C-alpha atoms as a PDB file:
ATOM      1  CA  MET A   1       6.658 -23.140 -37.232  1.00  0.00           C
ATOM      2  CA  THR A   2       7.628 -19.621 -36.140  1.00  0.00           C
ATOM      3  CA  PRO A   3       5.024 -17.071 -37.262  1.00  0.00           C
ATOM      4  CA  PRO A   4       6.372 -14.253 -39.447  1.00  0.00           C
ATOM      5  CA  SER A   5       7.280 -11.127 -37.524  1.00  0.00           C
ATOM      6  CA  GLN A   6       5.102  -8.082 -37.957  1.00  0.00           C
ATOM      7  CA  PRO A   7       6.642  -5.058 -39.687  1.00  0.00           C
ATOM      8  CA  PRO A   8       7.091  -2.008 -37.470  1.00  0.00           C
ATOM      9  CA  PRO A   9       4.365   0.635 -37.609  1.00  0.00           C
ATOM     10  CA  THR A  10       4.662   3.595 -39.912  1.00  0.00           C
ATOM     11  CA  THR A  11       6.051   6.641 -38.132  1.00  0.00           C
ATOM     12  CA  CYS A  12       6.885  10.309 -38.636  1.00  0.00           C
ATOM     13  CA  PHE A  13      10.337   9.731 -37.086  1.00  0.00           C
ATOM     14  CA  SER A  14      13.509   8.465 -38.725  1.00  0.00           C
ATOM     15  CA  CYS A  15      16.644   7.621 -36.769  1.00  0.00           C
ATOM     16  CA  THR A  16      20.325   7.233 -37.623  1.00  0.00           C
ATOM     17  CA  ARG A  17      23.476   6.969 -35.534  1.00  0.00           C
ATOM     18  CA  LEU A  18      25.415  10.216 -35.105  1.00  0.00           C
ATOM     19  CA  ASN A  19      28.344   8.825 -33.114  1.00  0.00           C
ATOM     20  CA  ALA A  20      29.086   5.916 -30.775  1.00  0.00           C
ATOM     21  CA  SER A  21      26.583   6.995 -28.105  1.00  0.00           C
ATOM     22  CA  THR A  22      24.235   9.409 -29.870  1.00  0.00           C
ATOM     23  CA  PHE A  23      21.431   9.108 -32.404  1.00  0.00           C
ATOM     24  CA  ARG A  24      19.799  11.754 -34.592  1.00  0.00           C
ATOM     25  CA  ILE A  25      16.020  11.546 -34.883  1.00  0.00           C
ATOM     26  CA  VAL A  26      14.291  13.609 -37.577  1.00  0.00           C
ATOM     27  CA  GLU A  27      10.579  14.387 -37.339  1.00  0.00           C
ATOM     28  CA  ASP A  28       8.500  14.766 -40.499  1.00  0.00           C
ATOM     29  CA  ASP A  29       6.046  17.351 -39.148  1.00  0.00           C
ATOM     30  CA  GLN A  30       3.086  19.259 -40.564  1.00  0.00           C
ATOM     31  CA  TRP A  31       4.938  22.608 -40.452  1.00  0.00           C
ATOM     32  CA  SER A  32       7.888  21.239 -42.488  1.00  0.00           C
ATOM     33  CA  GLU A  33      10.335  22.231 -39.756  1.00  0.00           C
ATOM     34  CA  ASN A  34      11.855  18.712 -39.795  1.00  0.00           C
ATOM     35  CA  PRO A  35      13.569  19.298 -36.444  1.00  0.00           C
ATOM     36  CA  PHE A  36      16.580  17.295 -35.335  1.00  0.00           C
ATOM     37  CA  ILE A  37      16.174  15.524 -31.991  1.00  0.00           C
ATOM     38  CA  TYR A  38      19.270  13.989 -30.430  1.00  0.00           C
ATOM     39  CA  ALA A  39      19.237  11.002 -28.076  1.00  0.00           C
ATOM     40  CA  LYS A  40      22.459  10.260 -26.183  1.00  0.00           C
ATOM     41  CA  LEU A  41      22.575   6.865 -24.497  1.00  0.00           C
ATOM     42  CA  CYS A  42      24.435   7.239 -21.201  1.00  0.00           C
ATOM     43  CA  ALA A  43      24.828   4.542 -18.562  1.00  0.00           C
ATOM     44  CA  ALA A  44      22.662   6.402 -16.047  1.00  0.00           C
ATOM     45  CA  ALA A  45      19.959   7.893 -18.299  1.00  0.00           C
ATOM     46  CA  ILE A  46      18.961   8.836 -21.836  1.00  0.00           C
ATOM     47  CA  VAL A  47      19.744  12.474 -22.627  1.00  0.00           C
ATOM     48  CA  ILE A  48      17.241  13.948 -25.093  1.00  0.00           C
ATOM     49  CA  ILE A  49      18.305  17.204 -26.758  1.00  0.00           C
ATOM     50  CA  ASP A  50      15.027  18.833 -27.860  1.00  0.00           C
ATOM     51  CA  THR A  51      11.756  16.976 -28.428  1.00  0.00           C
ATOM     52  CA  GLY A  52      10.495  18.156 -31.813  1.00  0.00           C
ATOM     53  CA  CYS A  53       6.946  19.131 -32.732  1.00  0.00           C
ATOM     54  CA  GLY A  54       5.115  16.622 -30.568  1.00  0.00           C
ATOM     55  CA  GLY A  55       4.196  14.133 -33.260  1.00  0.00           C
ATOM     56  CA  ALA A  56       2.157  16.555 -35.376  1.00  0.00           C
ATOM     57  CA  ALA A  57       2.928  14.477 -38.453  1.00  0.00           C
ATOM     58  CA  ARG A  58       2.875  15.779 -41.996  1.00  0.00           C
ATOM     59  CA  ASP A  59       1.139  12.544 -42.991  1.00  0.00           C
ATOM     60  CA  PRO A  60      -1.905  12.091 -40.708  1.00  0.00           C
ATOM     61  CA  ALA A  61      -2.069   8.400 -41.626  1.00  0.00           C
ATOM     62  CA  VAL A  62       1.181   7.386 -39.906  1.00  0.00           C
ATOM     63  CA  GLN A  63       0.662   5.067 -36.964  1.00  0.00           C
ATOM     64  CA  LEU A  64       3.385   6.051 -34.483  1.00  0.00           C
ATOM     65  CA  THR A  65       3.590   9.750 -33.626  1.00  0.00           C
ATOM     66  CA  SER A  66       4.722   9.688 -29.977  1.00  0.00           C
ATOM     67  CA  LEU A  67       8.419  10.409 -29.493  1.00  0.00           C
ATOM     68  CA  ARG A  68       8.458   8.473 -26.208  1.00  0.00           C
ATOM     69  CA  GLU A  69       6.822   5.465 -27.843  1.00  0.00           C
ATOM     70  CA  PHE A  70       9.313   5.676 -30.698  1.00  0.00           C
ATOM     71  CA  LEU A  71      12.245   5.726 -28.266  1.00  0.00           C
ATOM     72  CA  GLU A  72      10.901   2.804 -26.249  1.00  0.00           C
ATOM     73  CA  THR A  73       9.436   0.499 -28.883  1.00  0.00           C
ATOM     74  CA  TYR A  74      10.660   1.241 -32.400  1.00  0.00           C
ATOM     75  CA  PRO A  75      13.471  -0.962 -33.802  1.00  0.00           C
ATOM     76  CA  VAL A  76      16.397   1.169 -34.991  1.00  0.00           C
ATOM     77  CA  ASP A  77      18.626  -0.389 -37.639  1.00  0.00           C
ATOM     78  CA  ASP A  78      21.682   1.571 -36.469  1.00  0.00           C
ATOM     79  CA  ASN A  79      21.123   0.231 -32.945  1.00  0.00           C
ATOM     80  CA  GLY A  80      21.178  -3.430 -33.880  1.00  0.00           C
ATOM     81  CA  GLY A  81      17.459  -3.443 -34.559  1.00  0.00           C
ATOM     82  CA  LYS A  82      16.632  -2.535 -30.952  1.00  0.00           C
ATOM     83  CA  PRO A  83      14.773   0.513 -29.593  1.00  0.00           C
ATOM     84  CA  LEU A  84      16.943   3.243 -28.077  1.00  0.00           C
ATOM     85  CA  ASN A  85      15.322   2.851 -24.649  1.00  0.00           C
ATOM     86  CA  PRO A  86      13.594  -0.561 -24.631  1.00  0.00           C
ATOM     87  CA  GLY A  87      10.482  -0.505 -22.491  1.00  0.00           C
ATOM     88  CA  GLY A  88      11.481   2.838 -20.976  1.00  0.00           C
ATOM     89  CA  SER A  89      14.052   1.110 -18.772  1.00  0.00           C
ATOM     90  CA  LYS A  90      16.059   4.317 -18.316  1.00  0.00           C
ATOM     91  CA  ALA A  91      14.994   7.745 -17.129  1.00  0.00           C
ATOM     92  CA  TYR A  92      15.212  10.763 -19.426  1.00  0.00           C
ATOM     93  CA  GLU A  93      17.186  13.963 -19.032  1.00  0.00           C
ATOM     94  CA  VAL A  94      15.642  16.473 -21.466  1.00  0.00           C
ATOM     95  CA  VAL A  95      17.667  19.507 -22.563  1.00  0.00           C
ATOM     96  CA  CYS A  96      15.830  22.375 -24.282  1.00  0.00           C
ATOM     97  CA  THR A  97      18.190  24.234 -26.599  1.00  0.00           C
ATOM     98  CA  HIS A  98      15.436  26.881 -26.588  1.00  0.00           C
ATOM     99  CA  CYS A  99      11.667  27.008 -26.141  1.00  0.00           C
ATOM    100  CA  HIS A 100      10.403  27.308 -29.735  1.00  0.00           C
ATOM    101  CA  TYR A 101       7.504  24.997 -30.581  1.00  0.00           C
ATOM    102  CA  ASP A 102       9.510  22.719 -32.877  1.00  0.00           C
ATOM    103  CA  HIS A 103      11.918  21.997 -30.013  1.00  0.00           C
ATOM    104  CA  ILE A 104       9.536  21.573 -27.057  1.00  0.00           C
ATOM    105  CA  GLY A 105       6.476  20.085 -28.775  1.00  0.00           C
ATOM    106  CA  GLY A 106       7.078  16.546 -27.510  1.00  0.00           C
ATOM    107  CA  ILE A 107       8.208  17.437 -24.005  1.00  0.00           C
ATOM    108  CA  GLU A 108       4.993  16.432 -22.220  1.00  0.00           C
ATOM    109  CA  GLY A 109       5.085  12.945 -23.707  1.00  0.00           C
ATOM    110  CA  ILE A 110       8.702  12.395 -22.687  1.00  0.00           C
ATOM    111  CA  THR A 111       8.199  13.426 -19.074  1.00  0.00           C
ATOM    112  CA  GLU A 112       5.079  11.292 -18.635  1.00  0.00           C
ATOM    113  CA  THR A 113       7.043   8.076 -18.051  1.00  0.00           C
ATOM    114  CA  GLN A 114       7.306   5.454 -15.371  1.00  0.00           C
ATOM    115  CA  HIS A 115      10.676   6.821 -14.296  1.00  0.00           C
ATOM    116  CA  PRO A 116      11.257  10.380 -13.004  1.00  0.00           C
ATOM    117  CA  SER A 117      12.550  12.673 -15.724  1.00  0.00           C
ATOM    118  CA  SER A 118      14.318  16.030 -15.575  1.00  0.00           C
ATOM    119  CA  ILE A 119      14.078  19.076 -17.832  1.00  0.00           C
ATOM    120  CA  TRP A 120      17.007  21.441 -18.298  1.00  0.00           C
ATOM    121  CA  ALA A 121      16.655  24.989 -19.643  1.00  0.00           C
ATOM    122  CA  SER A 122      18.773  28.129 -19.652  1.00  0.00           C
ATOM    123  CA  ALA A 123      18.776  30.339 -16.565  1.00  0.00           C
ATOM    124  CA  ASN A 124      19.934  33.285 -18.695  1.00  0.00           C
ATOM    125  CA  ILE A 125      16.522  35.008 -18.824  1.00  0.00           C
ATOM    126  CA  LYS A 126      13.986  32.779 -17.067  1.00  0.00           C
ATOM    127  CA  SER A 127      11.147  35.221 -17.773  1.00  0.00           C
ATOM    128  CA  PHE A 128      11.309  34.409 -21.491  1.00  0.00           C
ATOM    129  CA  ILE A 129      10.033  30.936 -20.632  1.00  0.00           C
ATOM    130  CA  LEU A 130       7.986  31.672 -17.528  1.00  0.00           C
ATOM    131  CA  ASP A 131       6.054  34.852 -18.381  1.00  0.00           C
ATOM    132  CA  ASP A 132       4.370  34.083 -21.707  1.00  0.00           C
ATOM    133  CA  LEU A 133       5.372  30.703 -23.119  1.00  0.00           C
ATOM    134  CA  PRO A 134       2.615  30.628 -25.786  1.00  0.00           C
ATOM    135  CA  THR A 135       4.221  33.730 -27.340  1.00  0.00           C
ATOM    136  CA  SER A 136       7.880  32.930 -26.678  1.00  0.00           C
ATOM    137  CA  SER A 137       7.444  29.406 -28.056  1.00  0.00           C
ATOM    138  CA  LEU A 138       5.538  30.717 -31.116  1.00  0.00           C
ATOM    139  CA  CYS A 139       2.886  28.063 -30.368  1.00  0.00           C
ATOM    140  CA  ARG A 140       0.099  30.650 -30.510  1.00  0.00           C
ATOM    141  CA  TYR A 141       1.111  31.600 -34.062  1.00  0.00           C
ATOM    142  CA  VAL A 142       1.163  28.081 -35.535  1.00  0.00           C
ATOM    143  CA  GLY A 143      -1.923  26.664 -33.859  1.00  0.00           C
ATOM    144  CA  MET A 144      -0.094  24.300 -31.518  1.00  0.00           C
ATOM    145  CA  LYS A 145      -1.295  23.745 -27.962  1.00  0.00           C
ATOM    146  CA  THR A 146       1.483  25.109 -25.757  1.00  0.00           C
ATOM    147  CA  PRO A 147       3.092  22.235 -23.849  1.00  0.00           C
ATOM    148  CA  SER A 148       2.850  22.372 -20.073  1.00  0.00           C
ATOM    149  CA  TYR A 149       6.078  21.559 -18.248  1.00  0.00           C
ATOM    150  CA  SER A 150       8.195  22.625 -15.302  1.00  0.00           C
ATOM    151  CA  VAL A 151      11.922  23.187 -15.584  1.00  0.00           C
ATOM    152  CA  SER A 152      13.784  20.939 -13.144  1.00  0.00           C
ATOM    153  CA  HIS A 153      17.213  22.513 -13.610  1.00  0.00           C
ATOM    154  CA  TRP A 154      17.826  26.141 -14.570  1.00  0.00           C
ATOM    155  CA  ALA A 155      21.243  25.668 -16.150  1.00  0.00           C
ATOM    156  CA  GLN A 156      24.010  28.107 -15.317  1.00  0.00           C
ATOM    157  CA  ASP A 157      26.631  28.934 -17.924  1.00  0.00           C
ATOM    158  CA  GLY A 158      29.222  26.157 -17.932  1.00  0.00           C
ATOM    159  CA  GLN A 159      27.166  23.815 -15.749  1.00  0.00           C
ATOM    160  CA  VAL A 160      28.000  20.111 -15.891  1.00  0.00           C
ATOM    161  CA  MET A 161      24.962  17.859 -16.230  1.00  0.00           C
ATOM    162  CA  ARG A 162      24.379  15.044 -13.776  1.00  0.00           C
ATOM    163  CA  HIS A 163      21.519  12.594 -13.340  1.00  0.00           C
ATOM    164  CA  THR A 164      20.063  12.295  -9.851  1.00  0.00           C
ATOM    165  CA  SER A 165      18.227   9.106  -8.980  1.00  0.00           C
ATOM    166  CA  ALA A 166      15.338  10.119  -6.737  1.00  0.00           C
ATOM    167  CA  SER A 167      14.778   6.575  -5.485  1.00  0.00           C
ATOM    168  CA  ALA A 168      18.415   5.868  -4.657  1.00  0.00           C
ATOM    169  CA  GLY A 169      19.381   9.425  -3.753  1.00  0.00           C
ATOM    170  CA  THR A 170      22.531   9.177  -5.852  1.00  0.00           C
ATOM    171  CA  SER A 171      24.031  11.402  -8.547  1.00  0.00           C
ATOM    172  CA  HIS A 172      25.497   9.991 -11.741  1.00  0.00           C
ATOM    173  CA  ASP A 173      27.797  11.306 -14.452  1.00  0.00           C
ATOM    174  CA  LEU A 174      26.381  11.916 -17.938  1.00  0.00           C
ATOM    175  CA  ASP A 175      29.612  11.603 -19.922  1.00  0.00           C
ATOM    176  CA  GLY A 176      30.682  15.044 -18.728  1.00  0.00           C
ATOM    177  CA  LEU A 177      28.034  16.972 -20.710  1.00  0.00           C
ATOM    178  CA  VAL A 178      28.385  20.749 -20.204  1.00  0.00           C
ATOM    179  CA  LEU A 179      25.712  23.397 -20.855  1.00  0.00           C
ATOM    180  CA  TYR A 180      26.588  26.881 -22.107  1.00  0.00           C
ATOM    181  CA  HIS A 181      24.359  29.931 -22.462  1.00  0.00           C
ATOM    182  CA  ALA A 182      24.158  30.882 -26.138  1.00  0.00           C
ATOM    183  CA  PRO A 183      21.672  33.776 -26.495  1.00  0.00           C
ATOM    184  CA  GLY A 184      21.012  35.514 -29.788  1.00  0.00           C
ATOM    185  CA  HIS A 185      18.465  33.434 -31.676  1.00  0.00           C
ATOM    186  CA  THR A 186      16.468  33.548 -28.432  1.00  0.00           C
ATOM    187  CA  PRO A 187      17.451  34.683 -24.915  1.00  0.00           C
ATOM    188  CA  ASP A 188      17.176  31.104 -23.607  1.00  0.00           C
ATOM    189  CA  SER A 189      19.356  29.399 -26.220  1.00  0.00           C
ATOM    190  CA  LEU A 190      21.710  26.716 -24.900  1.00  0.00           C
ATOM    191  CA  ALA A 191      24.679  24.856 -26.374  1.00  0.00           C
ATOM    192  CA  ILE A 192      25.643  21.382 -25.125  1.00  0.00           C
ATOM    193  CA  TRP A 193      29.234  20.149 -25.185  1.00  0.00           C
ATOM    194  CA  ASP A 194      29.869  16.400 -25.221  1.00  0.00           C
ATOM    195  CA  PRO A 195      33.588  16.041 -24.408  1.00  0.00           C
ATOM    196  CA  HIS A 196      33.499  12.259 -24.726  1.00  0.00           C
ATOM    197  CA  GLU A 197      32.246  12.255 -28.328  1.00  0.00           C
ATOM    198  CA  ARG A 198      33.666  15.727 -29.056  1.00  0.00           C
ATOM    199  CA  PHE A 199      30.370  17.053 -30.389  1.00  0.00           C
ATOM    200  CA  LEU A 200      28.866  20.486 -29.761  1.00  0.00           C
ATOM    201  CA  PHE A 201      25.063  20.759 -30.024  1.00  0.00           C
ATOM    202  CA  VAL A 202      23.866  24.292 -30.794  1.00  0.00           C
ATOM    203  CA  GLY A 203      20.126  24.125 -31.515  1.00  0.00           C
ATOM    204  CA  ASP A 204      19.126  26.932 -33.891  1.00  0.00           C
ATOM    205  CA  THR A 205      22.078  29.196 -33.150  1.00  0.00           C
ATOM    206  CA  LEU A 206      23.573  28.255 -36.504  1.00  0.00           C
ATOM    207  CA  TYR A 207      23.151  25.762 -39.337  1.00  0.00           C
ATOM    208  CA  GLU A 208      23.729  25.574 -43.093  1.00  0.00           C
ATOM    209  CA  TRP A 209      21.597  25.954 -46.219  1.00  0.00           C
ATOM    210  CA  ALA A 210      18.612  27.546 -44.493  1.00  0.00           C
ATOM    211  CA  PRO A 211      18.200  31.025 -42.991  1.00  0.00           C
ATOM    212  CA  ILE A 212      19.312  31.498 -39.393  1.00  0.00           C
ATOM    213  CA  LEU A 213      16.381  33.313 -37.816  1.00  0.00           C
ATOM    214  CA  PHE A 214      16.163  36.270 -35.457  1.00  0.00           C
ATOM    215  CA  PRO A 215      12.499  36.258 -34.353  1.00  0.00           C
ATOM    216  CA  SER A 216      10.829  39.595 -33.723  1.00  0.00           C
ATOM    217  CA  GLY A 217      11.030  40.527 -30.054  1.00  0.00           C
ATOM    218  CA  ALA A 218      13.399  37.669 -29.218  1.00  0.00           C
ATOM    219  CA  GLY A 219      16.410  37.821 -31.528  1.00  0.00           C
ATOM    220  CA  ASP A 220      19.333  39.974 -30.423  1.00  0.00           C
ATOM    221  CA  LEU A 221      22.282  40.688 -32.721  1.00  0.00           C
ATOM    222  CA  SER A 222      24.649  41.889 -29.998  1.00  0.00           C
ATOM    223  CA  SER A 223      24.043  38.755 -27.930  1.00  0.00           C
ATOM    224  CA  TYR A 224      24.426  36.642 -31.049  1.00  0.00           C
ATOM    225  CA  SER A 225      27.795  38.195 -31.845  1.00  0.00           C
ATOM    226  CA  SER A 226      28.992  37.505 -28.288  1.00  0.00           C
ATOM    227  CA  THR A 227      27.776  33.911 -28.527  1.00  0.00           C
ATOM    228  CA  ILE A 228      29.595  33.317 -31.818  1.00  0.00           C
ATOM    229  CA  PHE A 229      32.835  34.689 -30.295  1.00  0.00           C
ATOM    230  CA  LYS A 230      32.327  32.506 -27.244  1.00  0.00           C
ATOM    231  CA  LEU A 231      31.706  29.324 -29.257  1.00  0.00           C
ATOM    232  CA  ARG A 232      34.635  30.131 -31.533  1.00  0.00           C
ATOM    233  CA  ASP A 233      37.017  30.423 -28.573  1.00  0.00           C
ATOM    234  CA  LEU A 234      35.676  27.304 -26.854  1.00  0.00           C
ATOM    235  CA  ILE A 235      36.024  25.231 -30.013  1.00  0.00           C
ATOM    236  CA  ARG A 236      39.555  26.503 -30.663  1.00  0.00           C
ATOM    237  CA  GLY A 237      40.519  25.486 -27.141  1.00  0.00           C
ATOM    238  CA  TRP A 238      39.012  22.030 -27.466  1.00  0.00           C
ATOM    239  CA  ASN A 239      40.684  21.503 -30.842  1.00  0.00           C
ATOM    240  CA  SER A 240      44.081  22.437 -29.429  1.00  0.00           C
ATOM    241  CA  THR A 241      43.869  19.911 -26.582  1.00  0.00           C
ATOM    242  CA  THR A 242      46.236  16.971 -26.414  1.00  0.00           C
ATOM    243  CA  VAL A 243      45.982  13.901 -24.200  1.00  0.00           C
ATOM    244  CA  ASP A 244      48.046  10.975 -22.988  1.00  0.00           C
ATOM    245  CA  GLU A 245      48.084   8.069 -25.408  1.00  0.00           C
ATOM    246  CA  ASP A 246      46.296   5.698 -23.027  1.00  0.00           C
ATOM    247  CA  GLU A 247      43.197   7.902 -22.652  1.00  0.00           C
ATOM    248  CA  ASP A 248      40.015   6.634 -24.294  1.00  0.00           C
ATOM    249  CA  HIS A 249      39.370   9.259 -27.007  1.00  0.00           C
ATOM    250  CA  ASP A 250      39.324   9.358 -30.780  1.00  0.00           C
ATOM    251  CA  SER A 251      42.680  10.890 -31.582  1.00  0.00           C
ATOM    252  CA  ALA A 252      45.516  11.251 -34.055  1.00  0.00           C
ATOM    253  CA  GLN A 253      49.241  10.968 -33.335  1.00  0.00           C
ATOM    254  CA  THR A 254      51.119  14.253 -33.742  1.00  0.00           C
ATOM    255  CA  GLY A 255      54.806  14.072 -32.885  1.00  0.00           C
ATOM    256  CA  SER A 256      55.170  13.033 -29.247  1.00  0.00           C
ATOM    257  CA  ALA A 257      51.639  14.131 -28.336  1.00  0.00           C
ATOM    258  CA  THR A 258      48.238  12.694 -29.147  1.00  0.00           C
ATOM    259  CA  ARG A 259      45.840  15.255 -30.564  1.00  0.00           C
ATOM    260  CA  LEU A 260      42.127  14.716 -30.065  1.00  0.00           C
ATOM    261  CA  SER A 261      39.834  14.515 -33.078  1.00  0.00           C
ATOM    262  CA  ARG A 262      38.408  17.834 -34.257  1.00  0.00           C
ATOM    263  CA  VAL A 263      35.165  19.009 -32.725  1.00  0.00           C
ATOM    264  CA  ARG A 264      32.010  18.358 -34.743  1.00  0.00           C
ATOM    265  CA  MET A 265      28.856  20.469 -34.571  1.00  0.00           C
ATOM    266  CA  ALA A 266      25.260  19.213 -34.488  1.00  0.00           C
ATOM    267  CA  CYS A 267      22.460  21.725 -35.102  1.00  0.00           C
ATOM    268  CA  GLY A 268      18.684  21.855 -34.743  1.00  0.00           C
ATOM    269  CA  HIS A 269      17.989  21.598 -38.474  1.00  0.00           C
ATOM    270  CA  VAL A 270      19.823  20.593 -41.661  1.00  0.00           C
ATOM    271  CA  THR A 271      23.343  20.245 -40.196  1.00  0.00           C
ATOM    272  CA  SER A 272      24.426  17.438 -37.875  1.00  0.00           C
ATOM    273  CA  ALA A 273      28.145  16.650 -38.213  1.00  0.00           C
ATOM    274  CA  VAL A 274      30.006  19.644 -39.652  1.00  0.00           C
ATOM    275  CA  ASP A 275      33.537  20.633 -38.619  1.00  0.00           C
ATOM    276  CA  ALA A 276      32.691  23.037 -35.799  1.00  0.00           C
ATOM    277  CA  GLN A 277      35.675  25.381 -35.976  1.00  0.00           C
ATOM    278  CA  GLU A 278      35.529  25.788 -39.721  1.00  0.00           C
ATOM    279  CA  PHE A 279      31.795  26.443 -39.744  1.00  0.00           C
ATOM    280  CA  VAL A 280      31.629  28.884 -36.836  1.00  0.00           C
ATOM    281  CA  LEU A 281      34.408  30.927 -38.457  1.00  0.00           C
ATOM    282  CA  GLU A 282      32.426  31.035 -41.715  1.00  0.00           C
ATOM    283  CA  VAL A 283      29.306  32.224 -39.875  1.00  0.00           C
ATOM    284  CA  ASP A 284      31.330  34.749 -37.868  1.00  0.00           C
ATOM    285  CA  LYS A 285      32.872  36.187 -41.028  1.00  0.00           C
ATOM    286  CA  PHE A 286      29.576  36.577 -42.874  1.00  0.00           C
ATOM    287  CA  PHE A 287      27.735  37.935 -39.830  1.00  0.00           C
ATOM    288  CA  SER A 288      30.475  40.543 -39.417  1.00  0.00           C
ATOM    289  CA  GLN A 289      30.077  41.582 -43.052  1.00  0.00           C
ATOM    290  CA  VAL A 290      26.327  41.941 -42.569  1.00  0.00           C
ATOM    291  CA  THR A 291      26.528  44.044 -39.416  1.00  0.00           C
ATOM    292  CA  ARG A 292      29.235  46.264 -40.955  1.00  0.00           C
ATOM    293  CA  GLY A 293      26.897  47.098 -43.831  1.00  0.00           C
ATOM    294  CA  LEU A 294      28.950  45.275 -46.468  1.00  0.00           C
ATOM    295  CA  ILE A 295      26.130  42.973 -47.626  1.00  0.00           C
ATOM    296  CA  GLU A 296      22.992  44.235 -49.305  1.00  0.00           C
ATOM    297  CA  GLY A 297      19.790  42.964 -47.747  1.00  0.00           C
ATOM    298  CA  GLN A 298      16.843  41.526 -49.671  1.00  0.00           C
ATOM    299  CA  ASP A 299      13.223  42.223 -48.826  1.00  0.00           C
ATOM    300  CA  ALA A 300      11.821  39.070 -47.184  1.00  0.00           C
ATOM    301  CA  GLY A 301       8.191  40.090 -46.826  1.00  0.00           C
ATOM    302  CA  GLU A 302       6.423  40.445 -43.506  1.00  0.00           C
ATOM    303  CA  GLN A 303       5.710  38.233 -40.538  1.00  0.00           C
ATOM    304  CA  ARG A 304       2.865  39.225 -38.234  1.00  0.00           C
ATOM    305  CA  GLY A 305       3.081  42.770 -39.611  1.00  0.00           C
ATOM    306  CA  VAL A 306       6.858  43.094 -39.114  1.00  0.00           C
ATOM    307  CA  PRO A 307       8.928  43.815 -42.271  1.00  0.00           C
ATOM    308  CA  LEU A 308      11.743  41.285 -42.683  1.00  0.00           C
ATOM    309  CA  VAL A 309      15.115  41.387 -44.403  1.00  0.00           C
ATOM    310  CA  LYS A 310      17.303  38.535 -45.613  1.00  0.00           C
ATOM    311  CA  TYR A 311      21.085  38.475 -45.989  1.00  0.00           C
ATOM    312  CA  GLU A 312      22.453  35.545 -47.971  1.00  0.00           C
ATOM    313  CA  ARG A 313      26.009  34.601 -48.873  1.00  0.00           C
ATOM    314  CA  HIS A 314      26.700  34.152 -52.586  1.00  0.00           C
ATOM    315  CA  ASP A 315      26.714  30.341 -52.349  1.00  0.00           C
ATOM    316  CA  GLY A 316      23.597  30.113 -50.171  1.00  0.00           C
ATOM    317  CA  ARG A 317      25.342  28.181 -47.393  1.00  0.00           C
ATOM    318  CA  ILE A 318      24.892  30.920 -44.774  1.00  0.00           C
ATOM    319  CA  SER A 319      21.984  33.343 -44.497  1.00  0.00           C
ATOM    320  CA  PHE A 320      20.097  35.368 -41.895  1.00  0.00           C
ATOM    321  CA  ILE A 321      16.503  36.578 -41.686  1.00  0.00           C
ATOM    322  CA  GLY A 322      15.089  38.998 -39.147  1.00  0.00           C
ATOM    323  CA  PRO A 323      13.227  42.269 -38.701  1.00  0.00           C
ATOM    324  CA  LYS A 324      14.565  45.100 -40.860  1.00  0.00           C
ATOM    325  CA  ALA A 325      14.592  47.412 -37.854  1.00  0.00           C
ATOM    326  CA  LEU A 326      16.768  44.979 -35.900  1.00  0.00           C
ATOM    327  CA  PHE A 327      19.434  44.834 -38.580  1.00  0.00           C
ATOM    328  CA  ASN A 328      19.247  48.516 -39.512  1.00  0.00           C
ATOM    329  CA  ALA A 329      19.910  49.500 -35.908  1.00  0.00           C
ATOM    330  CA  SER A 330      23.142  47.507 -35.942  1.00  0.00           C
ATOM    331  CA  LEU A 331      24.560  48.608 -39.288  1.00  0.00           C
ATOM    332  CA  VAL A 332      27.731  50.657 -39.235  1.00  0.00           C
ATOM    333  CA  GLY A 333      27.376  51.713 -42.878  1.00  0.00           C
ATOM    334  CA  GLN A 334      23.761  51.786 -43.932  1.00  0.00           C
ATOM    335  CA  CYS A 335      23.452  49.277 -46.771  1.00  0.00           C
ATOM    336  CA  PRO A 336      20.191  49.806 -48.705  1.00  0.00           C
ATOM    337  CA  VAL A 337      17.406  47.316 -47.944  1.00  0.00           C
END
């Protein structure tokens, strides 16, 4: 008689399929950040976009709090009941959308594997990561031990990701993933374009139904505006692309041409499959209204002695929070705060 199988351990992670090759993992953490971690299963390696809070679970009684252990052992219903990386058979390529604690907290555990792993971060302003990571990551303010890691690849704007096998000395494609500098929320913010699945991952650059943050000393409104314009133009270009009918892409027939499916956007919190062009235009429009002084700010208290202001659209879908001085310096017409 076959003994009954044991139920999986309790865990602070939940996992659902985002698209054919990518899964969204949500961490239930003690700071209630609930970060989104994305795992893309490529032939050569597993690409991990952000690593969450490092298993600092909201419920201290849960049994499985290691992201690596979750990836390698936990049965995922949307993956046929199998772990995403059974037994750690594939190496990891970790992409940091930025260095805040809820995005790098699990990075040490991922890189401590039996296979060599790589870490990708933005080369835009390396000093933001290298000079004082406890401050830049906000770890010192939330009581988290700052993770120790070394960046393997300082990504240039528009760089295509590849996986290099140290043992074989060969380089492998990662479904054409491209990294773009996206400063504004932080100087080191990155966006990741997956042309195969037609998804754009943007970290905390934008999302819905929660305030988009501009941390004191790190957020930059001018850089953010440039990033929104850049993403808007990239997405428009991708959405206007047509392909031959025999190419392997999700597409729709339009006249004599085959138009690719519209780009979707996956964010670091809350939002994971929104229409990218529609949403970035909505954010662009509201951000422009804010910086032109057309929206009245609301007092949002203080953070570490810095007075904050909040700007929220009437329906609550889009909002911004940051230092009052940061926004006041950018206003064309001074709207009272």
